[in-house]
Structures are given as structure tokens and as C-alpha cells.
Amino acid sequence: MFFSSGCTNVRVDEMSSESVLIYPNPATNQITVDLNGLEERNSVLKMYDYSGRVVIEKQSNSVATIDVSYLAKGLYTLEVPTSDQVVRKHIVIE
């Protein structure tokens, strides 16, 4: 058996996730990714399809416009690496 007499605090930092803005969502032709407030101003953004395949990879400064007009309709995941975590956001392409 395992017993613990102390407490463990877990801190969940949601600031990074909330700082990444993606619009419009759902999208048809293009999306704008705003790394609003993140220190990582030079990130490599990656967008994955439902099977986990990278369909877009783009270097970004603080704001990036990404052409999504050639993508099939569906749900995609955008991944933004930060210094301490990876922020993932879902995007619907119509």
C-alpha cells in the first residue's frame, strides 16, 4: 500500500492556450493565427489532418495568415510550440 502525508499542488497554465487566437473558425479560404502575448515570436506552426499527417508547416512571427483553401473540409489541429508546452487548437475547414 502507498500512503502520502503531504499534498501535491498541480498548476495548470492556461495562459498560453488562451493567448493563441485563430480566426475565423470555421474557415474556408484562410486563417489568421495571432500569437497574442506569447514570448515565442518565431514559432513553427504545424497543422495536422485527422490522420495525424502534417498538411501545413509555416514559420510565424507574431501574426500569420495561412491559406487553407486547398484543404479538404474537416477538422484539423494547429500546433504552436512554446518554451514550456505545445498549444493545440482545433480548426474546422468548411
Protein backbone atom coordinates (compact mmCIF):
# COMPACT_ATOMS: atom_id res chain seq x y z
CA MET A 1 0.00 0.00 0.00
CA PHE A 2 1.04 3.56 -0.61
CA PHE A 3 0.25 6.38 1.79
CA SER A 4 1.09 10.04 1.48
CA SER A 5 1.01 12.51 4.31
CA GLY A 6 1.64 15.60 2.19
CA CYS A 7 -0.18 17.42 -0.53
CA THR A 8 0.96 17.96 -4.08
CA ASN A 9 -0.05 21.07 -5.93
CA VAL A 10 -0.51 20.95 -9.66
CA ARG A 11 -0.53 24.18 -11.60
CA VAL A 12 -2.20 24.24 -14.99
CA ASP A 13 -1.12 27.21 -17.06
CA GLU A 14 -3.92 28.09 -19.47
CA MET A 15 -2.45 31.46 -20.41
CA SER A 16 -0.52 30.13 -23.41
CA SER A 17 -3.55 28.37 -24.84
CA GLU A 18 -5.73 31.44 -24.42
CA SER A 19 -3.03 33.65 -25.92
CA VAL A 20 -3.14 31.88 -29.28
CA LEU A 21 -6.01 33.34 -31.32
CA ILE A 22 -7.22 31.66 -34.52
CA TYR A 23 -9.85 33.28 -36.69
CA PRO A 24 -12.15 32.78 -38.43
CA ASN A 25 -13.06 29.37 -37.14
CA PRO A 26 -14.70 27.71 -39.03
CA ALA A 27 -12.75 28.88 -42.08
CA THR A 28 -12.94 28.42 -45.84
CA ASN A 29 -10.05 30.28 -47.53
CA GLN A 30 -7.59 31.44 -44.91
CA ILE A 31 -6.99 31.65 -41.19
CA THR A 32 -5.12 34.18 -39.11
CA VAL A 33 -3.03 32.93 -36.21
CA ASP A 34 -2.19 35.58 -33.63
CA LEU A 35 0.40 34.66 -31.01
CA ASN A 36 -1.06 37.34 -28.80
CA GLY A 37 1.15 37.78 -25.75
CA LEU A 38 3.40 34.77 -26.26
CA GLU A 39 7.12 35.27 -25.93
CA GLU A 40 7.71 32.80 -28.77
CA ARG A 41 7.51 35.24 -31.64
CA ASN A 42 9.31 32.91 -34.06
CA SER A 43 7.43 29.64 -33.90
CA VAL A 44 6.94 26.92 -36.47
CA LEU A 45 3.19 26.37 -36.78
CA LYS A 46 2.07 22.91 -37.85
CA MET A 47 -1.41 21.89 -38.95
CA TYR A 48 -2.40 18.23 -38.87
CA ASP A 49 -5.29 16.44 -40.55
CA TYR A 50 -7.44 13.80 -38.84
CA SER A 51 -4.88 11.07 -39.54
CA GLY A 52 -2.02 12.99 -37.92
CA ARG A 53 -0.34 13.96 -41.19
CA VAL A 54 1.29 17.41 -41.33
CA VAL A 55 -0.57 19.37 -44.03
CA ILE A 56 0.87 22.84 -43.32
CA GLU A 57 4.13 23.91 -41.75
CA LYS A 58 4.84 27.62 -41.55
CA GLN A 59 7.28 29.90 -39.75
CA SER A 60 5.40 32.60 -37.87
CA ASN A 61 6.23 35.86 -36.22
CA SER A 62 3.53 37.33 -34.02
CA VAL A 63 0.73 37.08 -36.64
CA ALA A 64 0.48 34.63 -39.55
CA THR A 65 -2.04 34.32 -42.36
CA ILE A 66 -2.34 30.77 -43.65
CA ASP A 67 -4.02 29.71 -46.90
CA VAL A 68 -6.35 26.78 -46.21
CA SER A 69 -8.41 26.97 -49.42
CA TYR A 70 -6.84 23.79 -50.84
CA LEU A 71 -7.57 21.66 -47.76
CA ALA A 72 -10.44 19.20 -47.70
CA LYS A 73 -13.38 20.03 -45.45
CA GLY A 74 -12.93 18.66 -41.97
CA LEU A 75 -11.37 19.05 -38.56
CA TYR A 76 -7.69 19.97 -38.25
CA THR A 77 -5.34 20.58 -35.34
CA LEU A 78 -2.96 23.53 -35.25
CA GLU A 79 0.11 23.09 -33.08
CA VAL A 80 2.10 26.03 -31.68
CA PRO A 81 5.22 25.21 -29.66
CA THR A 82 6.04 27.47 -26.72
CA SER A 83 9.01 27.40 -24.37
CA ASP A 84 7.29 25.13 -21.84
CA GLN A 85 4.46 23.40 -23.69
CA VAL A 86 2.77 22.80 -27.02
CA VAL A 87 -0.51 24.62 -27.58
CA ARG A 88 -3.00 22.73 -29.75
CA LYS A 89 -6.15 24.27 -31.21
CA HIS A 90 -8.83 22.68 -33.38
CA ILE A 91 -9.86 24.33 -36.65
CA VAL A 92 -12.86 23.48 -38.80
CA ILE A 93 -12.42 23.89 -42.57
CA GLU A 94 -15.69 24.25 -44.46
